[in-house]
Amino acid sequence: MNKQDFINKKCLIGMPCGSGFIPAYTVDGLYKMERPCQTSLLIMERQSVDNARNYIMETAINLNVDYLMYIDDDGVLAKDTLEKMLENDKDIVTAPVMTRAEREDGKHRLCCFEKYDFYIGDGKTVKKYRSIEKFDTSKGHLFSIDATGGACLLIKKEAFIPLFKKYGGRPFEFVHEVHETKEHGITLRNISEDLCFSERARDNGFEIWVDTRVRPVHLGKPKFVRFEMEGENLPPMIDPAKGIVGLAENLK
């Protein structure tokens, strides 16, 4: 699809913001982002993230928009992010975003996930998720995945409307399950609201794709975190304070 296809389309960008405070880098990136279609912004302050995401989706339905884009309040997007994600023409498309905090091994994990069957005993399994390590970009820029975070996520109305209705206005929910078997006893399955949405979307026939051309920055502490493939030679990110540029200029 090209830019002309989106002229008469509408998109709502929704941002959960539990603290009520948004970093200047995030605002700068939003201000500079190109908008190939009619675009509005809704910021949901001081709500739990699941309630915020569900309310944003309800608003998207009431506004009769064609696309709903979720972004997080601690991310910085390149100026062509929305344009590239619209071009993909997928029901659900996301971007490779790194976790803000380091894990136990000192590394940041990718918020793109593959499912696996976790054995809980008595011949039973439950569905769990693990981060995808890398993508073979020699095969293109779009990859089908099982689940994603919600930091940079674009959804067509053909997907979010039926999912919202099927799950009673709460397609995003935290899942806390207790499974008991004679063999292994108690097993817990806890997944976040965005993994829950991903699971429900896939269960209802909607594929989830990741566009590796889109590389948002996650405002980590104390450094900026950006996904990079092994062997890639991306330009180093300029320190905005020293380079007198906004962080968004690093994401070309």
C-alpha atoms as a PDB file:
ATOM      1  CA  MET A   1       0.000   0.000   0.000  1.00  0.00           C
ATOM      2  CA  ASN A   2       1.147   3.581  -0.631  1.00  0.00           C
ATOM      3  CA  LYS A   3       0.464   6.967   0.936  1.00  0.00           C
ATOM      4  CA  GLN A   4      -2.546   7.647  -1.281  1.00  0.00           C
ATOM      5  CA  ASP A   5      -4.333   4.657   0.229  1.00  0.00           C
ATOM      6  CA  PHE A   6      -4.411   6.299   3.662  1.00  0.00           C
ATOM      7  CA  ILE A   7      -5.566   9.826   2.868  1.00  0.00           C
ATOM      8  CA  ASN A   8      -9.165   9.154   3.877  1.00  0.00           C
ATOM      9  CA  LYS A   9      -8.344   6.778   6.738  1.00  0.00           C
ATOM     10  CA  LYS A  10      -8.387   7.627  10.442  1.00  0.00           C
ATOM     11  CA  CYS A  11      -6.034   6.486  13.195  1.00  0.00           C
ATOM     12  CA  LEU A  12      -6.189   6.901  16.956  1.00  0.00           C
ATOM     13  CA  ILE A  13      -2.881   6.835  18.826  1.00  0.00           C
ATOM     14  CA  GLY A  14      -3.433   5.741  22.411  1.00  0.00           C
ATOM     15  CA  MET A  15      -0.898   6.095  25.209  1.00  0.00           C
ATOM     16  CA  PRO A  16      -1.351   4.622  28.710  1.00  0.00           C
ATOM     17  CA  CYS A  17       0.415   6.904  31.181  1.00  0.00           C
ATOM     18  CA  GLY A  18       0.053   5.700  34.740  1.00  0.00           C
ATOM     19  CA  SER A  19       2.240   8.418  36.262  1.00  0.00           C
ATOM     20  CA  GLY A  20       0.692  11.324  34.373  1.00  0.00           C
ATOM     21  CA  PHE A  21       4.179  12.444  33.292  1.00  0.00           C
ATOM     22  CA  ILE A  22       5.604  11.972  29.787  1.00  0.00           C
ATOM     23  CA  PRO A  23       9.334  12.354  28.991  1.00  0.00           C
ATOM     24  CA  ALA A  24      10.266  15.202  26.680  1.00  0.00           C
ATOM     25  CA  TYR A  25      11.975  12.754  24.295  1.00  0.00           C
ATOM     26  CA  THR A  26       8.687  10.884  23.847  1.00  0.00           C
ATOM     27  CA  VAL A  27       6.782  14.099  23.140  1.00  0.00           C
ATOM     28  CA  ASP A  28       9.483  15.213  20.691  1.00  0.00           C
ATOM     29  CA  GLY A  29       9.232  11.942  18.759  1.00  0.00           C
ATOM     30  CA  LEU A  30       5.435  12.177  18.567  1.00  0.00           C
ATOM     31  CA  TYR A  31       5.597  15.778  17.393  1.00  0.00           C
ATOM     32  CA  LYS A  32       7.987  14.870  14.557  1.00  0.00           C
ATOM     33  CA  MET A  33       6.250  11.664  13.464  1.00  0.00           C
ATOM     34  CA  GLU A  34       4.764  11.797   9.990  1.00  0.00           C
ATOM     35  CA  ARG A  35       1.017  11.207   9.797  1.00  0.00           C
ATOM     36  CA  PRO A  36      -0.089   9.784   6.432  1.00  0.00           C
ATOM     37  CA  CYS A  37      -3.732   9.725   7.566  1.00  0.00           C
ATOM     38  CA  GLN A  38      -6.021  11.676   9.894  1.00  0.00           C
ATOM     39  CA  THR A  39      -4.531  11.053  13.322  1.00  0.00           C
ATOM     40  CA  SER A  40      -5.606  11.893  16.852  1.00  0.00           C
ATOM     41  CA  LEU A  41      -3.976  11.231  20.215  1.00  0.00           C
ATOM     42  CA  LEU A  42      -5.529   9.974  23.446  1.00  0.00           C
ATOM     43  CA  ILE A  43      -3.465   9.842  26.649  1.00  0.00           C
ATOM     44  CA  MET A  44      -4.963   7.863  29.525  1.00  0.00           C
ATOM     45  CA  GLU A  45      -3.465   9.045  32.816  1.00  0.00           C
ATOM     46  CA  ARG A  46      -3.412   7.440  36.256  1.00  0.00           C
ATOM     47  CA  GLN A  47      -5.145   4.202  35.280  1.00  0.00           C
ATOM     48  CA  SER A  48      -3.918   0.631  35.422  1.00  0.00           C
ATOM     49  CA  VAL A  49      -2.433  -0.292  32.067  1.00  0.00           C
ATOM     50  CA  ASP A  50      -5.124  -2.868  31.259  1.00  0.00           C
ATOM     51  CA  ASN A  51      -7.947  -0.419  32.009  1.00  0.00           C
ATOM     52  CA  ALA A  52      -6.182   2.257  29.964  1.00  0.00           C
ATOM     53  CA  ARG A  53      -5.730   0.016  26.943  1.00  0.00           C
ATOM     54  CA  ASN A  54      -9.341  -1.190  27.034  1.00  0.00           C
ATOM     55  CA  TYR A  55     -10.705   2.352  27.342  1.00  0.00           C
ATOM     56  CA  ILE A  56      -8.509   3.516  24.462  1.00  0.00           C
ATOM     57  CA  MET A  57      -9.869   0.700  22.298  1.00  0.00           C
ATOM     58  CA  GLU A  58     -13.452   1.572  23.251  1.00  0.00           C
ATOM     59  CA  THR A  59     -12.778   5.170  22.237  1.00  0.00           C
ATOM     60  CA  ALA A  60     -11.333   4.001  18.902  1.00  0.00           C
ATOM     61  CA  ILE A  61     -14.580   2.131  18.243  1.00  0.00           C
ATOM     62  CA  ASN A  62     -16.721   5.125  19.211  1.00  0.00           C
ATOM     63  CA  LEU A  63     -14.674   7.384  16.938  1.00  0.00           C
ATOM     64  CA  ASN A  64     -14.995   4.865  14.093  1.00  0.00           C
ATOM     65  CA  VAL A  65     -11.293   4.949  13.273  1.00  0.00           C
ATOM     66  CA  ASP A  66      -9.683   2.530  10.841  1.00  0.00           C
ATOM     67  CA  TYR A  67      -6.535   1.957  12.887  1.00  0.00           C
ATOM     68  CA  LEU A  68      -5.618   1.949  16.553  1.00  0.00           C
ATOM     69  CA  MET A  69      -1.975   2.477  17.480  1.00  0.00           C
ATOM     70  CA  TYR A  70      -0.733   1.863  21.004  1.00  0.00           C
ATOM     71  CA  ILE A  71       2.479   3.504  22.138  1.00  0.00           C
ATOM     72  CA  ASP A  72       4.105   3.642  25.564  1.00  0.00           C
ATOM     73  CA  ASP A  73       5.049   6.781  27.458  1.00  0.00           C
ATOM     74  CA  ASP A  74       8.715   5.757  27.739  1.00  0.00           C
ATOM     75  CA  GLY A  75       9.440   5.147  24.061  1.00  0.00           C
ATOM     76  CA  VAL A  76      10.719   7.293  21.195  1.00  0.00           C
ATOM     77  CA  LEU A  77       9.531   6.610  17.653  1.00  0.00           C
ATOM     78  CA  ALA A  78      11.172   7.394  14.329  1.00  0.00           C
ATOM     79  CA  LYS A  79       9.336   9.903  12.168  1.00  0.00           C
ATOM     80  CA  ASP A  80       8.292   7.256   9.603  1.00  0.00           C
ATOM     81  CA  THR A  81       7.026   4.702  12.156  1.00  0.00           C
ATOM     82  CA  LEU A  82       3.298   5.029  11.434  1.00  0.00           C
ATOM     83  CA  GLU A  83       3.858   5.222   7.683  1.00  0.00           C
ATOM     84  CA  LYS A  84       5.886   1.986   7.614  1.00  0.00           C
ATOM     85  CA  MET A  85       3.463   0.112   9.840  1.00  0.00           C
ATOM     86  CA  LEU A  86       0.484   1.156   7.702  1.00  0.00           C
ATOM     87  CA  GLU A  87       2.309   0.032   4.563  1.00  0.00           C
ATOM     88  CA  ASN A  88       2.388  -3.530   5.872  1.00  0.00           C
ATOM     89  CA  ASP A  89      -1.418  -3.787   5.607  1.00  0.00           C
ATOM     90  CA  LYS A  90      -1.657  -6.366   8.422  1.00  0.00           C
ATOM     91  CA  ASP A  91      -4.441  -6.787  10.972  1.00  0.00           C
ATOM     92  CA  ILE A  92      -1.874  -6.496  13.779  1.00  0.00           C
ATOM     93  CA  VAL A  93       1.705  -5.293  13.397  1.00  0.00           C
ATOM     94  CA  THR A  94       4.269  -4.400  16.019  1.00  0.00           C
ATOM     95  CA  ALA A  95       7.888  -3.279  16.282  1.00  0.00           C
ATOM     96  CA  PRO A  96      10.907  -4.913  17.961  1.00  0.00           C
ATOM     97  CA  VAL A  97      11.141  -3.091  21.285  1.00  0.00           C
ATOM     98  CA  MET A  98      13.690  -4.029  23.939  1.00  0.00           C
ATOM     99  CA  THR A  99      12.810  -4.326  27.608  1.00  0.00           C
ATOM    100  CA  ARG A 100      13.659  -1.210  29.615  1.00  0.00           C
ATOM    101  CA  ALA A 101      15.274  -3.077  32.488  1.00  0.00           C
ATOM    102  CA  GLU A 102      18.137  -5.516  32.230  1.00  0.00           C
ATOM    103  CA  ARG A 103      17.395  -9.144  32.995  1.00  0.00           C
ATOM    104  CA  GLU A 104      19.342 -11.383  35.360  1.00  0.00           C
ATOM    105  CA  ASP A 105      22.126 -11.926  32.814  1.00  0.00           C
ATOM    106  CA  GLY A 106      22.585  -8.174  32.307  1.00  0.00           C
ATOM    107  CA  LYS A 107      20.924  -8.196  28.869  1.00  0.00           C
ATOM    108  CA  HIS A 108      17.782  -6.561  27.547  1.00  0.00           C
ATOM    109  CA  ARG A 109      15.218  -8.943  26.090  1.00  0.00           C
ATOM    110  CA  LEU A 110      13.091  -8.389  22.999  1.00  0.00           C
ATOM    111  CA  CYS A 111       9.360  -7.801  23.598  1.00  0.00           C
ATOM    112  CA  CYS A 112       8.470 -10.186  20.757  1.00  0.00           C
ATOM    113  CA  PHE A 113       7.556 -13.660  21.878  1.00  0.00           C
ATOM    114  CA  GLU A 114       7.159 -17.244  20.787  1.00  0.00           C
ATOM    115  CA  LYS A 115       4.905 -19.657  22.623  1.00  0.00           C
ATOM    116  CA  TYR A 116       5.909 -23.021  24.000  1.00  0.00           C
ATOM    117  CA  ASP A 117       4.165 -25.803  25.867  1.00  0.00           C
ATOM    118  CA  PHE A 118       5.201 -25.973  29.527  1.00  0.00           C
ATOM    119  CA  TYR A 119       4.671 -29.387  31.084  1.00  0.00           C
ATOM    120  CA  ILE A 120       2.775 -29.242  34.384  1.00  0.00           C
ATOM    121  CA  GLY A 121       2.295 -32.976  35.015  1.00  0.00           C
ATOM    122  CA  ASP A 122      -0.354 -35.651  34.490  1.00  0.00           C
ATOM    123  CA  GLY A 123       0.195 -35.373  30.727  1.00  0.00           C
ATOM    124  CA  LYS A 124      -0.906 -31.713  30.690  1.00  0.00           C
ATOM    125  CA  THR A 125       0.756 -28.555  29.403  1.00  0.00           C
ATOM    126  CA  VAL A 126       0.050 -24.832  29.604  1.00  0.00           C
ATOM    127  CA  LYS A 127       0.956 -22.152  27.093  1.00  0.00           C
ATOM    128  CA  LYS A 128       3.881 -19.926  28.078  1.00  0.00           C
ATOM    129  CA  TYR A 129       5.984 -17.357  26.210  1.00  0.00           C
ATOM    130  CA  ARG A 130       9.684 -16.595  25.767  1.00  0.00           C
ATOM    131  CA  SER A 131      11.484 -13.763  23.998  1.00  0.00           C
ATOM    132  CA  ILE A 132      12.605 -14.271  20.423  1.00  0.00           C
ATOM    133  CA  GLU A 133      16.381 -13.910  20.173  1.00  0.00           C
ATOM    134  CA  LYS A 134      16.736 -12.614  16.613  1.00  0.00           C
ATOM    135  CA  PHE A 135      15.204 -12.392  13.132  1.00  0.00           C
ATOM    136  CA  ASP A 136      16.759 -13.385   9.815  1.00  0.00           C
ATOM    137  CA  THR A 137      16.367 -10.062   8.016  1.00  0.00           C
ATOM    138  CA  SER A 138      17.871 -11.532   4.835  1.00  0.00           C
ATOM    139  CA  LYS A 139      14.382 -12.998   4.330  1.00  0.00           C
ATOM    140  CA  GLY A 140      12.625  -9.649   4.569  1.00  0.00           C
ATOM    141  CA  HIS A 141      11.390  -7.259   7.235  1.00  0.00           C
ATOM    142  CA  LEU A 142       8.086  -8.868   8.272  1.00  0.00           C
ATOM    143  CA  PHE A 143       7.912 -11.868  10.593  1.00  0.00           C
ATOM    144  CA  SER A 144       4.972 -13.687  12.142  1.00  0.00           C
ATOM    145  CA  ILE A 145       5.198 -13.973  15.934  1.00  0.00           C
ATOM    146  CA  ASP A 146       3.025 -15.438  18.673  1.00  0.00           C
ATOM    147  CA  ALA A 147       2.830 -12.463  21.023  1.00  0.00           C
ATOM    148  CA  THR A 148       4.031  -8.905  21.516  1.00  0.00           C
ATOM    149  CA  GLY A 149       4.237  -6.112  24.014  1.00  0.00           C
ATOM    150  CA  GLY A 150       2.122  -3.015  23.495  1.00  0.00           C
ATOM    151  CA  ALA A 151       4.834  -0.356  23.242  1.00  0.00           C
ATOM    152  CA  CYS A 152       4.423   0.125  19.475  1.00  0.00           C
ATOM    153  CA  LEU A 153       1.414  -1.745  18.161  1.00  0.00           C
ATOM    154  CA  LEU A 154      -0.912  -1.027  15.230  1.00  0.00           C
ATOM    155  CA  ILE A 155      -4.286  -2.796  14.957  1.00  0.00           C
ATOM    156  CA  LYS A 156      -6.895  -2.609  12.188  1.00  0.00           C
ATOM    157  CA  LYS A 157     -10.540  -2.129  13.130  1.00  0.00           C
ATOM    158  CA  GLU A 158     -11.281  -5.495  11.514  1.00  0.00           C
ATOM    159  CA  ALA A 159      -9.363  -7.001  14.430  1.00  0.00           C
ATOM    160  CA  PHE A 160      -9.958  -4.729  17.420  1.00  0.00           C
ATOM    161  CA  ILE A 161     -13.736  -4.405  17.042  1.00  0.00           C
ATOM    162  CA  PRO A 162     -14.547  -8.151  17.149  1.00  0.00           C
ATOM    163  CA  LEU A 163     -11.991  -8.770  19.917  1.00  0.00           C
ATOM    164  CA  PHE A 164     -13.402  -5.946  22.034  1.00  0.00           C
ATOM    165  CA  LYS A 165     -16.931  -7.309  21.648  1.00  0.00           C
ATOM    166  CA  LYS A 166     -16.037 -10.952  22.220  1.00  0.00           C
ATOM    167  CA  TYR A 167     -14.244 -10.264  25.502  1.00  0.00           C
ATOM    168  CA  GLY A 168     -16.851  -7.942  26.927  1.00  0.00           C
ATOM    169  CA  GLY A 169     -14.841  -4.757  26.512  1.00  0.00           C
ATOM    170  CA  ARG A 170     -11.743  -6.244  28.180  1.00  0.00           C
ATOM    171  CA  PRO A 171      -9.525  -7.880  25.555  1.00  0.00           C
ATOM    172  CA  PHE A 172      -6.551  -6.677  27.636  1.00  0.00           C
ATOM    173  CA  GLU A 173      -6.436  -8.397  31.021  1.00  0.00           C
ATOM    174  CA  PHE A 174      -3.817  -9.705  33.413  1.00  0.00           C
ATOM    175  CA  VAL A 175      -4.105 -13.485  33.567  1.00  0.00           C
ATOM    176  CA  HIS A 176      -3.433 -15.347  36.815  1.00  0.00           C
ATOM    177  CA  GLU A 177      -4.052 -19.071  36.605  1.00  0.00           C
ATOM    178  CA  VAL A 178      -3.454 -21.850  39.131  1.00  0.00           C
ATOM    179  CA  HIS A 179      -3.037 -25.358  37.736  1.00  0.00           C
ATOM    180  CA  GLU A 180      -2.746 -28.395  39.995  1.00  0.00           C
ATOM    181  CA  THR A 181      -1.646 -31.894  39.031  1.00  0.00           C
ATOM    182  CA  LYS A 182      -0.866 -34.939  41.110  1.00  0.00           C
ATOM    183  CA  GLU A 183       2.536 -35.240  39.445  1.00  0.00           C
ATOM    184  CA  HIS A 184       3.918 -31.721  39.984  1.00  0.00           C
ATOM    185  CA  GLY A 185       1.509 -30.029  42.369  1.00  0.00           C
ATOM    186  CA  ILE A 186       0.797 -26.326  41.839  1.00  0.00           C
ATOM    187  CA  THR A 187       1.875 -24.508  38.663  1.00  0.00           C
ATOM    188  CA  LEU A 188       1.176 -20.813  38.146  1.00  0.00           C
ATOM    189  CA  ARG A 189       0.625 -19.155  34.774  1.00  0.00           C
ATOM    190  CA  ASN A 190       0.768 -15.380  34.935  1.00  0.00           C
ATOM    191  CA  ILE A 191       0.848 -13.260  31.782  1.00  0.00           C
ATOM    192  CA  SER A 192       0.624  -9.515  31.240  1.00  0.00           C
ATOM    193  CA  GLU A 193      -2.255  -7.669  29.626  1.00  0.00           C
ATOM    194  CA  ASP A 194      -0.503  -7.350  26.256  1.00  0.00           C
ATOM    195  CA  LEU A 195       0.382 -11.060  26.132  1.00  0.00           C
ATOM    196  CA  CYS A 196      -3.243 -11.805  27.011  1.00  0.00           C
ATOM    197  CA  PHE A 197      -4.421  -9.661  24.098  1.00  0.00           C
ATOM    198  CA  SER A 198      -1.923 -11.349  21.783  1.00  0.00           C
ATOM    199  CA  GLU A 199      -3.075 -14.796  22.857  1.00  0.00           C
ATOM    200  CA  ARG A 200      -6.729 -13.913  22.340  1.00  0.00           C
ATOM    201  CA  ALA A 201      -6.000 -12.348  18.957  1.00  0.00           C
ATOM    202  CA  ARG A 202      -4.159 -15.453  17.753  1.00  0.00           C
ATOM    203  CA  ASP A 203      -6.851 -17.758  19.163  1.00  0.00           C
ATOM    204  CA  ASN A 204      -9.379 -15.866  17.022  1.00  0.00           C
ATOM    205  CA  GLY A 205      -7.407 -16.167  13.798  1.00  0.00           C
ATOM    206  CA  PHE A 206      -5.562 -12.814  13.737  1.00  0.00           C
ATOM    207  CA  GLU A 207      -1.870 -13.058  12.943  1.00  0.00           C
ATOM    208  CA  ILE A 208       0.666 -10.822  14.669  1.00  0.00           C
ATOM    209  CA  TRP A 209       3.558  -9.470  12.615  1.00  0.00           C
ATOM    210  CA  VAL A 210       6.713  -7.599  13.567  1.00  0.00           C
ATOM    211  CA  ASP A 211       8.295  -5.031  11.219  1.00  0.00           C
ATOM    212  CA  THR A 212      12.047  -5.036  11.826  1.00  0.00           C
ATOM    213  CA  ARG A 213      12.502  -1.789   9.879  1.00  0.00           C
ATOM    214  CA  VAL A 214      10.935   0.069  12.816  1.00  0.00           C
ATOM    215  CA  ARG A 215      13.380   0.432  15.724  1.00  0.00           C
ATOM    216  CA  PRO A 216      11.928   2.439  18.615  1.00  0.00           C
ATOM    217  CA  VAL A 217      14.147   3.506  21.485  1.00  0.00           C
ATOM    218  CA  HIS A 218      13.126   2.453  24.979  1.00  0.00           C
ATOM    219  CA  LEU A 219      14.098   5.030  27.571  1.00  0.00           C
ATOM    220  CA  GLY A 220      16.039   2.739  29.851  1.00  0.00           C
ATOM    221  CA  LYS A 221      17.919   3.622  32.990  1.00  0.00           C
ATOM    222  CA  PRO A 222      20.525   4.949  32.654  1.00  0.00           C
ATOM    223  CA  LYS A 223      20.871   4.370  28.887  1.00  0.00           C
ATOM    224  CA  PHE A 224      18.756   4.330  25.748  1.00  0.00           C
ATOM    225  CA  VAL A 225      17.881   0.834  24.525  1.00  0.00           C
ATOM    226  CA  ARG A 226      17.437  -0.008  20.846  1.00  0.00           C
ATOM    227  CA  PHE A 227      17.100  -3.401  19.158  1.00  0.00           C
ATOM    228  CA  GLU A 228      20.026  -4.278  16.891  1.00  0.00           C
ATOM    229  CA  MET A 229      20.617  -7.475  14.974  1.00  0.00           C
ATOM    230  CA  GLU A 230      23.879  -9.382  15.156  1.00  0.00           C
ATOM    231  CA  GLY A 231      26.232  -8.098  12.466  1.00  0.00           C
ATOM    232  CA  GLU A 232      24.329  -4.867  11.885  1.00  0.00           C
ATOM    233  CA  ASN A 233      26.279  -1.647  11.825  1.00  0.00           C
ATOM    234  CA  LEU A 234      23.707   0.964  12.785  1.00  0.00           C
ATOM    235  CA  PRO A 235      24.981   4.511  13.353  1.00  0.00           C
ATOM    236  CA  PRO A 236      25.745   5.162  17.029  1.00  0.00           C
ATOM    237  CA  MET A 237      23.049   7.082  18.848  1.00  0.00           C
ATOM    238  CA  ILE A 238      24.030  10.679  19.548  1.00  0.00           C
ATOM    239  CA  ASP A 239      23.685  11.899  23.106  1.00  0.00           C
ATOM    240  CA  PRO A 240      20.862  14.460  22.688  1.00  0.00           C
ATOM    241  CA  ALA A 241      22.288  16.713  25.388  1.00  0.00           C
ATOM    242  CA  LYS A 242      25.675  16.872  23.676  1.00  0.00           C
ATOM    243  CA  GLY A 243      24.605  16.644  20.048  1.00  0.00           C
ATOM    244  CA  ILE A 244      21.917  19.350  20.301  1.00  0.00           C
ATOM    245  CA  VAL A 245      19.438  17.076  18.546  1.00  0.00           C
ATOM    246  CA  GLY A 246      16.306  15.297  19.639  1.00  0.00           C
ATOM    247  CA  LEU A 247      16.513  11.576  20.272  1.00  0.00           C
ATOM    248  CA  ALA A 248      14.160  10.929  17.352  1.00  0.00           C
ATOM    249  CA  GLU A 249      16.903  12.052  14.934  1.00  0.00           C
ATOM    250  CA  ASN A 250      18.848   8.912  15.874  1.00  0.00           C
ATOM    251  CA  LEU A 251      16.229   6.621  14.363  1.00  0.00           C
ATOM    252  CA  LYS A 252      16.631   7.184  10.639  1.00  0.00           C
END
